[in-house]
Protein backbone atom coordinates (compact mmCIF):
# COMPACT_ATOMS: atom_id res chain seq x y z
CA MET A 1 0.00 0.00 0.00
CA ASP A 2 1.85 3.05 -1.26
CA PHE A 3 0.97 6.64 -0.38
CA GLN A 4 -1.05 7.29 -3.55
CA PHE A 5 -3.22 4.23 -2.99
CA PHE A 6 -3.71 5.16 0.67
CA VAL A 7 -4.89 8.67 -0.27
CA ILE A 8 -7.31 7.40 -2.94
CA LEU A 9 -8.72 4.72 -0.64
CA SER A 10 -9.12 7.01 2.38
CA LEU A 11 -10.85 9.73 0.33
CA ALA A 12 -13.17 7.15 -1.26
CA VAL A 13 -14.06 5.76 2.16
CA ILE A 14 -14.74 9.22 3.63
CA PHE A 15 -16.91 10.02 0.61
CA ALA A 16 -18.93 6.84 1.15
CA GLY A 17 -19.25 7.59 4.86
CA ILE A 18 -20.64 11.06 4.18
CA SER A 19 -23.32 9.52 1.98
CA LYS A 20 -24.12 6.79 4.50
CA GLY A 21 -24.37 9.38 7.24
CA GLY A 22 -27.30 11.04 5.51
CA PHE A 23 -25.79 13.55 3.12
CA GLY A 24 -26.00 12.83 -0.59
CA GLY A 25 -28.46 9.95 -0.77
CA GLY A 26 -27.45 6.55 -2.09
CA VAL A 27 -24.13 7.51 -3.67
CA ALA A 28 -21.84 5.55 -1.36
CA PHE A 29 -21.12 3.21 -4.27
CA VAL A 30 -18.97 5.92 -5.87
CA SER A 31 -16.17 4.56 -3.66
CA SER A 32 -16.36 1.14 -5.33
CA ALA A 33 -16.34 2.72 -8.79
CA ILE A 34 -13.25 4.76 -7.91
CA LEU A 35 -11.41 1.74 -6.49
CA ALA A 36 -12.36 -0.37 -9.52
CA LEU A 37 -10.18 1.98 -11.59
CA ILE A 38 -7.06 0.83 -9.76
CA LEU A 39 -8.03 -2.65 -8.47
CA PRO A 40 -9.80 -5.74 -9.77
CA PRO A 41 -13.55 -5.08 -9.26
CA THR A 42 -14.00 -8.07 -6.94
CA MET A 43 -11.21 -6.78 -4.72
CA ALA A 44 -12.71 -3.27 -4.76
CA VAL A 45 -16.15 -4.47 -3.59
CA GLY A 46 -14.51 -6.87 -1.13
CA ILE A 47 -12.57 -4.04 0.51
CA MET A 48 -15.63 -1.79 0.70
CA LEU A 49 -18.23 -4.20 2.13
CA PRO A 50 -16.86 -4.45 5.71
CA LEU A 51 -16.43 -0.67 5.74
CA LEU A 52 -19.98 -0.15 4.49
CA MET A 53 -21.20 -2.47 7.26
CA VAL A 54 -19.33 -0.36 9.83
CA MET A 55 -20.92 2.74 8.31
CA ASP A 56 -24.36 1.10 8.47
CA VAL A 57 -23.98 0.42 12.19
CA ALA A 58 -22.73 3.96 12.83
CA SER A 59 -25.44 5.65 10.76
CA VAL A 60 -28.47 3.62 11.84
CA GLY A 61 -28.28 4.99 15.40
CA PRO A 62 -28.89 8.69 14.63
CA PHE A 63 -31.88 7.71 12.48
CA TRP A 64 -33.19 4.90 14.72
CA ASN A 65 -36.93 4.22 14.38
CA ARG A 66 -37.34 7.11 11.93
CA TRP A 67 -37.90 4.77 8.98
CA ASP A 68 -41.08 3.63 7.24
CA PRO A 69 -41.45 -0.04 8.34
CA ARG A 70 -43.70 -1.13 5.46
CA ALA A 71 -41.51 0.37 2.73
CA ALA A 72 -38.38 -1.06 4.35
CA TRP A 73 -39.89 -4.54 4.65
CA VAL A 74 -40.98 -4.58 0.99
CA LEU A 75 -37.50 -3.62 -0.23
CA ILE A 76 -35.77 -6.13 2.06
CA LEU A 77 -38.00 -9.02 0.95
CA GLY A 78 -37.30 -8.15 -2.67
CA GLY A 79 -33.60 -7.67 -1.98
CA ILE A 80 -32.99 -11.19 -0.63
CA PRO A 81 -33.46 -13.01 -3.98
CA GLY A 82 -31.62 -10.12 -5.65
CA VAL A 83 -28.56 -10.86 -3.52
CA VAL A 84 -28.76 -14.54 -4.47
CA ALA A 85 -29.01 -13.64 -8.17
CA GLY A 86 -26.02 -11.31 -7.83
CA ALA A 87 -23.95 -14.08 -6.22
CA VAL A 88 -24.77 -16.48 -9.07
CA PHE A 89 -24.03 -13.85 -11.71
CA ILE A 90 -20.72 -12.72 -10.27
CA SER A 91 -19.47 -16.30 -9.85
CA TYR A 92 -19.76 -16.89 -13.62
CA THR A 93 -18.44 -13.60 -14.96
CA ASN A 94 -15.03 -11.92 -15.26
CA ASP A 95 -13.43 -8.64 -14.28
CA ASP A 96 -14.06 -6.89 -17.61
CA VAL A 97 -17.78 -7.66 -17.47
CA LEU A 98 -17.86 -6.31 -13.92
CA ARG A 99 -15.95 -3.17 -14.93
CA PHE A 100 -18.45 -2.57 -17.73
CA LEU A 101 -21.41 -3.18 -15.42
CA ILE A 102 -20.09 -0.90 -12.66
CA GLY A 103 -19.32 1.76 -15.25
CA ALA A 104 -22.77 1.46 -16.84
CA ILE A 105 -24.46 1.68 -13.43
CA SER A 106 -22.39 4.77 -12.57
CA VAL A 107 -23.21 6.60 -15.81
CA GLY A 108 -26.82 5.45 -15.63
CA PHE A 109 -27.11 6.80 -12.10
CA VAL A 110 -25.94 10.23 -13.22
CA ILE A 111 -28.44 10.28 -16.10
CA TRP A 112 -31.26 9.12 -13.82
CA SER A 113 -30.34 11.63 -11.11
CA LEU A 114 -30.36 14.56 -13.51
CA ALA A 115 -33.68 13.57 -15.12
CA PRO A 116 -36.89 15.21 -13.83
CA LYS A 117 -38.42 13.22 -10.94
CA ARG A 118 -41.84 14.88 -10.94
CA ALA A 119 -43.59 11.98 -12.66
CA VAL A 120 -42.08 9.50 -10.20
CA SER A 121 -42.67 11.50 -7.04
CA GLN A 122 -46.36 12.15 -7.88
CA GLN A 123 -47.36 8.49 -7.76
CA ARG A 124 -47.39 5.97 -4.94
CA PHE A 125 -45.93 2.68 -6.13
CA SER A 126 -47.50 -0.63 -5.17
CA SER A 127 -45.77 -3.35 -3.14
CA THR A 128 -45.26 -5.31 -6.35
CA VAL A 129 -43.17 -2.48 -7.74
CA GLY A 130 -41.36 -2.33 -4.41
CA TYR A 131 -40.44 -6.03 -4.56
CA GLY A 132 -39.05 -5.48 -8.07
CA ALA A 133 -37.09 -2.45 -6.90
CA GLY A 134 -35.80 -4.47 -3.93
CA PHE A 135 -34.68 -7.31 -6.21
CA THR A 136 -32.82 -4.89 -8.48
CA SER A 137 -31.28 -3.18 -5.46
CA GLY A 138 -30.12 -6.51 -4.04
CA PHE A 139 -28.56 -7.51 -7.36
CA THR A 140 -26.78 -4.21 -8.11
CA SER A 141 -25.73 -3.89 -4.47
CA PHE A 142 -24.09 -7.30 -4.58
CA VAL A 143 -22.27 -6.57 -7.84
CA SER A 144 -21.12 -3.01 -7.15
CA HIS A 145 -22.68 -1.72 -3.88
CA ALA A 146 -24.95 0.37 -6.14
CA GLY A 147 -28.35 -0.63 -4.83
CA GLY A 148 -29.43 2.93 -4.07
CA PRO A 149 -31.09 4.07 -7.34
CA PRO A 150 -33.73 1.29 -7.62
CA ALA A 151 -34.61 1.67 -3.94
CA ALA A 152 -34.73 5.45 -4.35
CA MET A 153 -37.22 5.19 -7.22
CA TYR A 154 -39.60 3.22 -4.99
CA LEU A 155 -39.08 5.40 -1.91
CA LEU A 156 -39.66 8.60 -3.89
CA GLY A 157 -43.18 7.37 -4.56
CA GLN A 158 -43.94 6.84 -0.88
CA LYS A 159 -44.18 10.58 -0.09
CA LEU A 160 -41.55 10.38 2.68
CA ASP A 161 -39.84 13.37 4.22
CA LYS A 162 -36.05 13.70 3.87
CA THR A 163 -35.17 12.09 7.20
CA THR A 164 -37.68 9.21 6.92
CA TYR A 165 -36.47 8.57 3.38
CA HIS A 166 -32.85 8.33 4.46
CA ALA A 167 -33.61 6.33 7.61
CA THR A 168 -35.53 3.76 5.54
CA ALA A 169 -32.67 3.45 3.04
CA VAL A 170 -30.15 3.04 5.90
CA LEU A 171 -32.19 0.20 7.42
CA VAL A 172 -32.68 -1.58 4.08
CA PHE A 173 -28.99 -1.56 3.17
CA TRP A 174 -27.95 -2.40 6.71
CA VAL A 175 -29.79 -5.71 6.20
CA ILE A 176 -28.77 -6.24 2.56
CA ASN A 177 -25.09 -5.59 3.25
CA ALA A 178 -25.17 -8.07 6.13
CA LEU A 179 -26.70 -10.67 3.80
CA LYS A 180 -23.95 -10.08 1.24
CA ALA A 181 -21.13 -10.87 3.68
CA VAL A 182 -21.55 -14.66 3.63
CA PRO A 183 -21.49 -15.17 -0.17
CA TYR A 184 -18.65 -12.62 -0.43
CA GLY A 185 -16.67 -14.82 1.92
CA PHE A 186 -17.40 -18.00 -0.04
CA LEU A 187 -16.47 -16.26 -3.30
CA GLY A 188 -13.08 -15.26 -1.87
CA PHE A 189 -13.62 -11.49 -1.92
CA PHE A 190 -12.15 -11.20 1.59
CA THR A 191 -8.47 -11.83 2.26
CA TRP A 192 -6.20 -11.03 5.20
CA GLU A 193 -4.82 -8.14 3.15
CA THR A 194 -8.25 -6.61 2.42
CA LEU A 195 -9.39 -7.06 6.02
CA THR A 196 -6.18 -5.42 7.26
CA LEU A 197 -6.88 -2.49 4.94
CA ASP A 198 -10.38 -2.30 6.38
CA LEU A 199 -8.95 -1.97 9.89
CA TYR A 200 -6.78 0.93 8.76
CA MET A 201 -9.75 2.56 7.01
CA THR A 202 -12.32 2.18 9.82
CA PRO A 203 -11.51 5.59 11.43
CA PHE A 204 -11.97 7.23 8.02
CA ALA A 205 -15.31 5.46 7.59
CA LEU A 206 -16.56 6.64 10.98
CA PHE A 207 -15.29 10.17 10.34
CA GLY A 208 -17.18 10.23 7.03
CA VAL A 209 -20.41 9.11 8.74
CA TYR A 210 -19.97 11.82 11.38
CA LEU A 211 -19.58 14.45 8.65
CA GLY A 212 -22.63 13.10 6.82
CA VAL A 213 -24.87 13.16 9.90
CA ARG A 214 -23.85 16.76 10.66
CA ALA A 215 -24.25 17.86 7.05
CA HIS A 216 -27.68 16.18 6.75
CA HIS A 217 -29.17 18.81 9.03
CA MET A 218 -26.98 21.80 8.17
CA VAL A 219 -25.75 21.95 4.58
CA SER A 220 -27.26 22.08 1.09
CA GLU A 221 -26.50 18.99 -0.95
CA ARG A 222 -26.03 20.84 -4.26
CA VAL A 223 -22.22 21.02 -4.13
CA PHE A 224 -21.86 17.43 -2.90
CA PHE A 225 -24.11 16.10 -5.66
CA GLY A 226 -22.26 18.14 -8.26
CA LEU A 227 -18.96 16.60 -7.20
CA THR A 228 -20.54 13.14 -6.99
CA TYR A 229 -22.02 13.28 -10.48
CA THR A 230 -18.71 14.49 -11.92
CA LEU A 231 -16.80 11.64 -10.25
CA LEU A 232 -19.34 9.03 -11.33
CA ALA A 233 -19.47 10.28 -14.92
CA PHE A 234 -15.68 10.19 -15.17
CA THR A 235 -15.11 6.87 -13.40
CA GLY A 236 -18.05 5.20 -15.14
CA THR A 237 -16.88 6.26 -18.59
CA LYS A 238 -13.31 5.18 -17.79
CA LEU A 239 -14.46 1.76 -16.53
CA ILE A 240 -16.57 1.18 -19.66
CA TRP A 241 -13.61 2.19 -21.83
CA ASP A 242 -11.22 -0.12 -19.94
CA ALA A 243 -13.66 -3.03 -20.17
CA LEU A 244 -14.17 -2.63 -23.92
CA ALA A 245 -10.47 -2.03 -24.57
């Protein structure tokens, strides 16, 4: 672990922690996209999962019992088979396919985020739609920790306030990330080296969550989202290019 890698990893982890802490929505997966530029994708997601689980534990407390139980339950039930499908998919694919998929999800997230949401937010989606969104979230979360957008589409239709929205997403991905840990272990995504890195990065993860919780109540998200979309557009395009090349 040289200095350049340490700086990139620590900044990526802090960025993910800020999002997990309640500032910036479901963009914590930008850290995996950044790391996939310099590491094999399976190693990138393997490094990030234990840190995301630490962030989940740290961020669920400040938003405890502020979630919507019905919406959370629907997404979790849909997410379980999505995690299983992601495990099957990733066990039969290769790094270039994963790079392309992570890149496509990153660019797609930017396009979706910049599109008008009025038509989505004006309707209340059924539980059937929620199960589908949960399945997609489970699958994309397993592959690239990018389960936020499908869950966000469903939650936007539930007419939730900002804090309830975020608290529900925190609870859902707290459960989904815990479910991912076992198949990640069987697939060999965790090694002594990655777990040692996670120990070094834990203070950065907790610091990022602290910043996110504070910013959730104090700061406009416009600048953070602008930086996030720029990073995702760049990293996503680069990953797609690398995969095709």
